[in-house]
Protein backbone atom coordinates (compact mmCIF):
# COMPACT_ATOMS: atom_id res chain seq x y z
CA MET A 1 -24.25 -234.99 -157.15
CA LYS A 2 -24.97 -236.56 -160.55
CA GLN A 3 -22.02 -238.91 -160.02
CA ILE A 4 -23.49 -240.12 -156.73
CA PHE A 5 -26.87 -240.88 -158.30
CA PHE A 6 -25.23 -242.60 -161.26
CA THR A 7 -23.07 -244.72 -158.95
CA LEU A 8 -26.10 -245.63 -156.83
CA PHE A 9 -28.04 -246.55 -159.97
CA LEU A 10 -25.22 -248.83 -161.16
CA CYS A 11 -25.04 -250.51 -157.74
CA LEU A 12 -28.78 -251.15 -157.79
CA LEU A 13 -28.55 -252.61 -161.28
CA CYS A 14 -25.80 -255.00 -160.22
CA THR A 15 -27.68 -255.97 -157.07
CA ALA A 16 -30.88 -256.67 -158.98
CA SER A 17 -29.19 -259.02 -161.41
CA ALA A 18 -27.38 -260.84 -158.60
CA HIS A 19 -30.65 -261.72 -156.89
CA ALA A 20 -32.62 -263.14 -159.80
CA ALA A 21 -32.37 -266.93 -159.23
CA LEU A 22 -35.66 -267.48 -157.37
CA LYS A 23 -38.72 -268.71 -159.24
CA VAL A 24 -41.55 -266.22 -158.77
CA ILE A 25 -45.19 -266.82 -159.59
CA GLY A 26 -47.96 -264.24 -159.84
CA SER A 27 -47.58 -260.51 -160.16
CA GLY A 28 -48.22 -257.35 -158.18
CA ASP A 29 -49.65 -258.00 -154.72
CA ASN A 30 -50.15 -261.67 -155.68
CA LYS A 31 -46.43 -262.22 -156.31
CA GLN A 32 -44.96 -265.10 -154.35
CA LEU A 33 -42.19 -267.66 -154.58
CA ASP A 34 -42.68 -271.10 -156.09
CA PRO A 35 -41.62 -273.48 -153.31
CA ALA A 36 -41.71 -276.59 -155.56
CA GLY A 37 -37.92 -276.89 -155.62
CA PHE A 38 -37.40 -276.14 -151.92
CA PRO A 39 -36.16 -278.86 -149.54
CA PRO A 40 -39.06 -280.26 -147.40
CA VAL A 41 -38.12 -278.31 -144.26
CA MET A 42 -38.00 -275.08 -146.25
CA LYS A 43 -41.41 -275.82 -147.79
CA SER A 44 -42.95 -275.98 -144.32
CA SER A 45 -41.06 -272.82 -143.33
CA TYR A 46 -42.43 -271.11 -146.44
CA GLN A 47 -45.98 -272.10 -145.43
CA LEU A 48 -45.33 -270.55 -142.01
CA MET A 49 -44.03 -267.36 -143.63
CA GLN A 50 -47.10 -267.21 -145.90
CA THR A 51 -49.38 -267.53 -142.89
CA LYS A 52 -47.60 -265.15 -140.51
CA CYS A 53 -46.26 -262.45 -142.82
CA THR A 54 -49.39 -262.04 -144.93
CA SER A 55 -51.45 -261.19 -141.88
CA CYS A 56 -49.96 -257.69 -142.19
CA HIS A 57 -48.63 -257.36 -145.77
CA THR A 58 -48.39 -259.22 -149.06
CA LEU A 59 -45.48 -261.52 -149.90
CA ASP A 60 -44.59 -259.09 -152.68
CA ARG A 61 -42.48 -257.16 -150.14
CA VAL A 62 -40.48 -260.26 -149.31
CA VAL A 63 -40.14 -261.33 -152.95
CA SER A 64 -39.06 -257.84 -154.01
CA ALA A 65 -36.44 -257.71 -151.26
CA LEU A 66 -35.09 -261.11 -152.30
CA GLN A 67 -35.09 -260.24 -156.01
CA THR A 68 -33.45 -256.85 -155.71
CA GLY A 69 -31.43 -257.14 -152.50
CA ILE A 70 -33.16 -253.95 -151.31
CA ALA A 71 -35.89 -253.85 -148.64
CA PRO A 72 -38.81 -252.02 -150.31
CA THR A 73 -39.97 -250.16 -147.20
CA THR A 74 -36.57 -248.97 -145.93
CA LEU A 75 -34.64 -248.98 -149.23
CA LEU A 76 -31.70 -250.48 -147.33
CA GLU A 77 -29.73 -253.52 -148.41
CA PHE A 78 -31.57 -256.79 -147.74
CA ASN A 79 -29.03 -259.38 -146.62
CA LYS A 80 -28.82 -262.00 -143.86
CA LYS A 81 -28.28 -259.46 -141.11
CA THR A 82 -31.09 -257.18 -142.17
CA ALA A 83 -33.39 -260.17 -142.82
CA ARG A 84 -32.86 -261.27 -139.21
CA ASP A 85 -33.45 -257.71 -138.01
CA HIS A 86 -36.71 -257.50 -140.02
CA CYS A 87 -37.97 -260.79 -138.58
CA MET A 88 -37.21 -259.76 -135.02
CA LYS A 89 -38.85 -256.36 -135.60
CA MET A 90 -41.99 -258.03 -136.98
CA ALA A 91 -42.09 -260.49 -134.05
CA ARG A 92 -42.16 -257.54 -131.62
CA LYS A 93 -45.24 -256.01 -133.26
CA PRO A 94 -48.18 -256.46 -130.86
CA HIS A 95 -50.66 -258.01 -133.31
CA ALA A 96 -48.22 -259.97 -135.49
CA ASN A 97 -48.72 -263.27 -133.63
CA ILE A 98 -45.14 -264.31 -134.44
CA SER A 99 -43.39 -266.26 -131.70
CA GLN A 100 -39.62 -266.20 -131.24
CA GLN A 101 -39.51 -269.72 -132.75
CA ASP A 102 -41.59 -268.55 -135.73
CA ALA A 103 -39.20 -265.63 -136.24
CA LYS A 104 -36.22 -268.00 -136.07
CA THR A 105 -37.81 -270.38 -138.59
CA ILE A 106 -38.68 -267.55 -141.00
CA THR A 107 -35.18 -266.08 -140.60
CA GLU A 108 -33.62 -269.44 -141.51
CA LEU A 109 -35.89 -269.59 -144.56
CA LEU A 110 -34.81 -266.10 -145.60
CA TYR A 111 -31.15 -267.11 -145.20
CA TYR A 112 -31.80 -270.07 -147.50
CA LEU A 113 -33.62 -267.86 -150.02
CA ILE A 114 -30.87 -265.23 -149.96
CA ASP A 115 -28.30 -267.96 -150.67
CA GLU A 116 -30.45 -269.38 -153.47
CA ALA A 117 -30.94 -265.94 -155.01
CA ALA A 118 -27.19 -265.39 -155.04
CA LYS A 119 -26.46 -268.61 -156.97
CA LYS A 120 -27.09 -267.18 -160.43
């Protein structure tokens, strides 16, 4: 049992360091990404994500998932597949006000951010 926890801990350590390339500003619930270096289309997608996602939760959840590679609510790996799944799940929530196009745009932004996080 101790070996399993130790192995899991080592995996989490490696994952955290692999997802550290994004510039983050703020702390705690005010943590968000600095979109200054994003391409123009991704800057507008980031504005959409800020508007839509923060109607239900802070961006800290998204930033944490991108930084660690682990979704903070499910504790599952956060990668392109699970990012898409999260966006579609959020779009289905009755009061989320996220259209299918919004979900697609936010998913593409998350793909970009996941790739950027993996660069370092």
